[in-house]
Amino acid sequence: MDRITDKIANLAKALNKPSEPNDEYIDYATLRKQYENQANQEIGQLQQRSKKARVEAIHGRSDLNPKWTFANLVEDSDDVIEAVSIAQSFIAAHDDPAWRQSGSHMMLFYGDYGRGKSHIAGAIAHQLIEQYEISVLYRQLSTLLEMRYFSYDFSATDNVGQKFREANQELLEVDLLILDEVCVNETVLKKNTQSWLGNLLRQRLVNKKNCILITNHSLGELEHAMGRYCFESVKEYDTYKVRFQGPSRREGLTQDEAEAQNITPRYQPNQVR
C-alpha cells in the first residue's frame, strides 16, 4: 500500500505541481504523542503561573513580614530549636487530609520578648502558603481591639463600623489566623472583649480553622488575662504549647551606639542619685 506521502507526490506530478520531498515519515500514533506532550507541557506551565498568582495574592492579603522565614532564623538555643522542630511537624501534618479534617489545631507561643515567637509563626505561615496555598492573616490583637472599640462610634464618618464587620468576617473565614501580642500590657481583658474573642475562637473551632496565638504571658497569666470563658475556647483546640525562654534576641542601643547618635542616657547604673 502506498504511503500518504507517495500519493501526494503522485497527485502533484499528475497536476504538474511541484512537490517537496519529505524523507521523514511520522506515523499518527507518534505524532499524536508529540502533540500530547507539548500540550501537557503548556498546561503545566499555565498551572504554575496560575499557582504563582494565587500564592502572591494570599501573601498580599496576609500582612506577614517577608523576612519571617526559616532561612532567616538563627537556631542558636534549645528553645528555638525545639520550636522549629514542632513547627515543622505542624506543617508536615497538613499532608494528611484526615488530620486536616479531624478538627481545629492551635499553636500557642508564649514567653519572653524578642525570642523569635512572631518570626517562627510567620515562617510557618509562609511555608503553608507556598506548599498548600493556605490563606493566612497576621494581626495584632491590640490593633483589632482598638478597631472594635472605635466601631461603636456611630457618629464617625470614616465607616469604621462597616470596616470592622468586614475585618471580623475575615478573621472567621481565613484558614490560619495568627494573633500576636495577645493580652499585651493587659492584666485582665474587659468582659465584653473576653466574650468577643472567645466567640471568635469558638466559631473558628466549629469551622475547623487553625490558629496561632502569641503572648508574652506565662500560661497561668494568660488564662487570667483572657478570662475563664475565653481561655476555655483555647483549651478546646488540639493545642501545641511552645515555650520560649532566655534573653531577648533584639539588639538594643548600647552606650557606644547612643553616643554615636548623640543620645544621652537618662540614667547610668553607676550614677549617684
Protein backbone atom coordinates (compact mmCIF):
# COMPACT_ATOMS: atom_id res chain seq x y z
CA MET A 1 0.00 0.00 0.00
CA ASP A 2 1.31 3.40 -0.97
CA ARG A 3 2.11 5.78 1.83
CA ILE A 4 0.14 9.00 2.02
CA THR A 5 3.25 10.96 1.13
CA ASP A 6 3.64 8.90 -2.06
CA LYS A 7 0.03 9.53 -3.02
CA ILE A 8 0.50 13.27 -2.51
CA ALA A 9 3.64 13.20 -4.65
CA ASN A 10 1.86 11.27 -7.45
CA LEU A 11 -1.08 13.68 -7.37
CA ALA A 12 1.25 16.66 -7.58
CA LYS A 13 3.04 15.04 -10.53
CA ALA A 14 -0.26 14.44 -12.36
CA LEU A 15 -1.22 18.07 -11.86
CA ASN A 16 2.22 19.28 -12.94
CA LYS A 17 2.69 20.79 -9.49
CA PRO A 18 5.98 20.83 -7.61
CA SER A 19 6.14 18.55 -4.62
CA GLU A 20 8.60 18.92 -1.77
CA PRO A 21 10.12 15.58 -0.83
CA ASN A 22 9.87 14.68 2.83
CA ASP A 23 12.17 11.82 3.75
CA GLU A 24 10.93 11.73 7.36
CA TYR A 25 7.62 9.96 7.80
CA ILE A 26 5.90 10.27 11.20
CA ASP A 27 3.10 7.84 11.88
CA TYR A 28 -0.15 9.00 13.50
CA ALA A 29 0.50 7.46 16.94
CA THR A 30 3.91 9.13 17.23
CA LEU A 31 2.61 12.48 16.01
CA ARG A 32 -0.29 12.33 18.49
CA LYS A 33 2.07 11.54 21.35
CA GLN A 34 4.27 14.52 20.43
CA TYR A 35 1.27 16.86 20.40
CA GLU A 36 0.01 15.46 23.72
CA ASN A 37 3.42 16.00 25.35
CA GLN A 38 3.54 19.55 24.04
CA ALA A 39 0.00 20.21 25.28
CA ASN A 40 0.84 18.76 28.73
CA GLN A 41 3.91 20.99 28.97
CA GLU A 42 1.86 24.06 28.11
CA ILE A 43 -0.83 23.08 30.65
CA GLY A 44 1.86 22.55 33.30
CA GLN A 45 3.34 25.96 32.63
CA LEU A 46 -0.12 27.53 32.82
CA GLN A 47 -0.81 25.78 36.12
CA GLN A 48 2.50 27.00 37.53
CA ARG A 49 1.72 30.58 36.52
CA SER A 50 -1.78 30.28 38.00
CA LYS A 51 -0.43 28.89 41.28
CA LYS A 52 2.18 31.63 41.48
CA ALA A 53 -0.53 34.25 41.03
CA ARG A 54 -2.69 32.64 43.73
CA VAL A 55 0.23 32.38 46.16
CA GLU A 56 1.18 36.01 45.57
CA ALA A 57 -2.42 37.05 46.21
CA ILE A 58 -2.50 35.11 49.51
CA HIS A 59 0.82 36.66 50.57
CA GLY A 60 -0.53 40.09 49.70
CA ARG A 61 -3.54 39.71 52.00
CA SER A 62 -1.68 38.02 54.86
CA ASP A 63 0.17 41.10 56.21
CA LEU A 64 3.17 38.89 57.04
CA ASN A 65 6.68 40.24 57.39
CA PRO A 66 8.53 38.87 54.31
CA LYS A 67 11.67 38.40 56.43
CA TRP A 68 9.95 35.91 58.72
CA THR A 69 11.25 32.72 57.10
CA PHE A 70 13.07 29.66 58.38
CA ALA A 71 16.03 30.59 56.19
CA ASN A 72 16.43 33.85 58.13
CA LEU A 73 16.11 32.23 61.55
CA VAL A 74 19.17 31.60 63.71
CA GLU A 75 18.73 28.38 65.69
CA ASP A 76 21.17 29.18 68.47
CA SER A 77 19.33 27.94 71.56
CA ASP A 78 17.47 24.85 72.70
CA ASP A 79 14.07 26.54 72.94
CA VAL A 80 14.27 27.87 69.38
CA ILE A 81 15.50 24.52 68.01
CA GLU A 82 12.60 22.75 69.75
CA ALA A 83 10.12 25.35 68.49
CA VAL A 84 11.31 24.90 64.90
CA SER A 85 11.00 21.11 65.22
CA ILE A 86 7.41 21.43 66.46
CA ALA A 87 6.66 23.97 63.73
CA GLN A 88 7.94 21.64 61.01
CA SER A 89 5.84 18.79 62.42
CA PHE A 90 2.79 21.08 62.34
CA ILE A 91 3.48 21.94 58.70
CA ALA A 92 4.12 18.31 57.70
CA ALA A 93 0.81 17.25 59.26
CA HIS A 94 -1.00 19.22 56.53
CA ASP A 95 -0.04 16.44 54.10
CA ASP A 96 -2.59 14.22 55.84
CA PRO A 97 -6.18 15.01 54.76
CA ALA A 98 -7.50 13.10 57.80
CA TRP A 99 -5.52 15.37 60.13
CA ARG A 100 -6.80 18.48 58.39
CA GLN A 101 -10.40 17.27 58.70
CA SER A 102 -10.05 15.95 62.25
CA GLY A 103 -10.68 19.33 63.87
CA SER A 104 -9.10 22.67 64.72
CA HIS A 105 -5.47 22.97 65.73
CA MET A 106 -3.75 25.73 67.65
CA MET A 107 -0.11 26.61 68.27
CA LEU A 108 0.35 28.64 71.44
CA PHE A 109 3.67 30.51 71.56
CA TYR A 110 4.43 32.06 74.95
CA GLY A 111 7.46 33.52 76.67
CA ASP A 112 9.80 36.47 76.81
CA TYR A 113 10.02 39.38 74.40
CA GLY A 114 12.33 39.10 71.41
CA ARG A 115 12.77 35.33 71.43
CA GLY A 116 11.54 34.76 67.86
CA LYS A 117 7.91 33.83 68.50
CA SER A 118 6.49 36.06 65.76
CA HIS A 119 9.31 35.10 63.38
CA ILE A 120 8.64 31.36 63.69
CA ALA A 121 4.87 31.88 63.40
CA GLY A 122 5.46 33.88 60.22
CA ALA A 123 7.81 31.22 58.87
CA ILE A 124 5.11 28.59 59.40
CA ALA A 125 2.61 30.77 57.56
CA HIS A 126 4.92 31.47 54.61
CA GLN A 127 5.63 27.76 54.14
CA LEU A 128 1.94 26.80 54.40
CA ILE A 129 1.09 29.39 51.76
CA GLU A 130 3.81 28.16 49.40
CA GLN A 131 3.13 24.42 49.83
CA TYR A 132 -0.62 24.26 50.36
CA GLU A 133 -2.00 27.67 49.30
CA ILE A 134 -3.49 28.10 52.78
CA SER A 135 -4.96 31.55 53.41
CA VAL A 136 -3.35 33.40 56.32
CA LEU A 137 -4.00 36.55 58.31
CA TYR A 138 -1.46 38.02 60.74
CA ARG A 139 -3.00 40.51 63.17
CA GLN A 140 -2.03 42.11 66.46
CA LEU A 141 -4.86 41.65 68.92
CA SER A 142 -4.42 45.15 70.32
CA THR A 143 -4.97 46.67 66.87
CA LEU A 144 -8.17 44.65 66.39
CA LEU A 145 -9.45 45.73 69.80
CA GLU A 146 -8.82 49.38 69.01
CA MET A 147 -10.69 48.99 65.73
CA ARG A 148 -13.52 47.21 67.55
CA TYR A 149 -13.70 49.98 70.15
CA PHE A 150 -13.95 52.74 67.54
CA SER A 151 -16.58 50.76 65.61
CA TYR A 152 -19.06 51.78 68.33
CA ASP A 153 -18.67 55.44 67.43
CA PHE A 154 -21.90 55.85 65.48
CA SER A 155 -21.09 59.48 64.69
CA ALA A 156 -17.89 58.52 62.85
CA THR A 157 -17.73 59.41 59.17
CA ASP A 158 -14.95 57.00 58.17
CA ASN A 159 -17.24 53.95 58.06
CA VAL A 160 -15.16 52.22 60.73
CA GLY A 161 -18.12 50.09 61.85
CA GLN A 162 -18.51 48.51 58.42
CA LYS A 163 -14.74 48.06 58.14
CA PHE A 164 -14.64 46.20 61.44
CA ARG A 165 -17.52 43.91 60.43
CA GLU A 166 -15.65 43.06 57.23
CA ALA A 167 -12.42 42.50 59.18
CA ASN A 168 -14.25 40.30 61.69
CA GLN A 169 -15.63 38.19 58.84
CA GLU A 170 -12.09 37.72 57.53
CA LEU A 171 -11.00 36.57 60.98
CA LEU A 172 -13.69 33.90 60.91
CA GLU A 173 -13.06 32.62 57.38
CA VAL A 174 -9.27 32.60 56.95
CA ASP A 175 -7.61 29.15 57.12
CA LEU A 176 -4.86 30.18 59.55
CA LEU A 177 -5.25 33.13 61.91
CA ILE A 178 -2.15 34.43 63.71
CA LEU A 179 -2.97 36.66 66.67
CA ASP A 180 0.11 38.39 68.07
CA GLU A 181 0.58 40.31 71.32
CA VAL A 182 -2.37 38.56 72.92
CA CYS A 183 -3.22 40.43 76.14
CA VAL A 184 -0.05 42.51 75.89
CA ASN A 185 0.02 45.09 78.70
CA GLU A 186 -3.30 43.68 79.90
CA THR A 187 -3.77 42.15 83.34
CA VAL A 188 -7.36 41.20 82.53
CA LEU A 189 -9.33 41.82 79.33
CA LYS A 190 -12.66 43.59 79.68
CA LYS A 191 -15.65 41.25 79.93
CA ASN A 192 -17.11 42.21 76.55
CA THR A 193 -13.70 41.74 74.94
CA GLN A 194 -13.39 38.30 76.53
CA SER A 195 -16.78 37.39 75.06
CA TRP A 196 -15.89 38.67 71.59
CA LEU A 197 -12.53 36.86 71.48
CA GLY A 198 -13.96 33.69 72.98
CA ASN A 199 -16.79 33.63 70.43
CA LEU A 200 -14.32 34.24 67.59
CA LEU A 201 -12.17 31.29 68.67
CA ARG A 202 -15.21 29.05 69.19
CA GLN A 203 -16.62 29.80 65.75
CA ARG A 204 -13.26 29.07 64.16
CA LEU A 205 -13.14 25.83 66.15
CA VAL A 206 -16.51 24.74 64.78
CA ASN A 207 -15.40 25.57 61.22
CA LYS A 208 -12.12 23.61 61.64
CA LYS A 209 -9.92 26.66 61.21
CA ASN A 210 -6.44 26.75 62.75
CA CYS A 211 -4.87 29.46 64.93
CA ILE A 212 -1.51 30.60 66.27
CA LEU A 213 -1.65 32.70 69.45
CA ILE A 214 1.46 34.62 70.53
CA THR A 215 1.79 36.10 74.00
CA ASN A 216 4.41 37.36 76.43
CA HIS A 217 2.46 35.99 79.38
CA SER A 218 3.01 32.66 81.08
CA LEU A 219 0.14 30.20 80.61
CA GLY A 220 -1.21 30.97 84.06
CA GLU A 221 -1.08 34.71 83.45
CA LEU A 222 -2.66 34.28 80.02
CA GLU A 223 -5.58 32.31 81.44
CA HIS A 224 -6.19 35.04 83.99
CA ALA A 225 -5.86 37.83 81.40
CA MET A 226 -8.15 36.19 78.84
CA GLY A 227 -10.73 35.14 81.41
CA ARG A 228 -12.10 31.67 82.02
CA TYR A 229 -14.71 31.71 79.24
CA CYS A 230 -12.23 32.86 76.62
CA PHE A 231 -9.41 30.55 77.74
CA GLU A 232 -11.76 27.55 77.75
CA SER A 233 -12.16 28.08 74.00
CA VAL A 234 -8.37 27.82 73.64
CA LYS A 235 -8.33 24.54 75.59
CA GLU A 236 -10.90 23.01 73.21
CA TYR A 237 -8.42 23.11 70.32
CA ASP A 238 -5.85 20.41 69.63
CA THR A 239 -3.13 22.59 71.11
CA TYR A 240 0.65 22.66 70.64
CA LYS A 241 2.20 24.66 73.51
CA VAL A 242 5.65 26.10 72.77
CA ARG A 243 7.57 27.96 75.47
CA PHE A 244 10.30 30.48 74.63
CA GLN A 245 12.91 31.32 77.24
CA GLY A 246 16.07 33.34 77.68
CA PRO A 247 17.07 36.92 76.96
CA SER A 248 15.76 38.99 74.08
CA ARG A 249 17.36 38.49 70.66
CA ARG A 250 16.67 42.08 69.71
CA GLU A 251 19.64 44.40 69.72
CA GLY A 252 19.22 47.41 71.95
CA LEU A 253 21.03 50.73 71.95
CA THR A 254 24.41 50.25 73.62
CA GLN A 255 26.34 53.07 75.19
CA ASP A 256 28.54 53.42 72.07
CA GLU A 257 25.52 53.45 69.78
CA ALA A 258 23.79 56.04 71.94
CA GLU A 259 26.83 58.30 71.86
CA ALA A 260 27.16 57.88 68.09
CA GLN A 261 23.57 59.07 67.73
CA ASN A 262 24.08 61.90 70.27
CA ILE A 263 21.62 60.27 72.66
CA THR A 264 22.25 60.96 76.32
CA PRO A 265 21.06 58.10 78.52
CA ARG A 266 18.69 59.35 81.21
CA TYR A 267 20.19 57.04 83.82
CA GLN A 268 23.55 55.40 84.29
CA PRO A 269 23.76 52.30 86.50
CA ASN A 270 26.76 53.70 88.42
CA GLN A 271 25.43 57.22 88.61
CA VAL A 272 24.97 58.59 92.12
CA ARG A 273 21.43 59.89 92.54
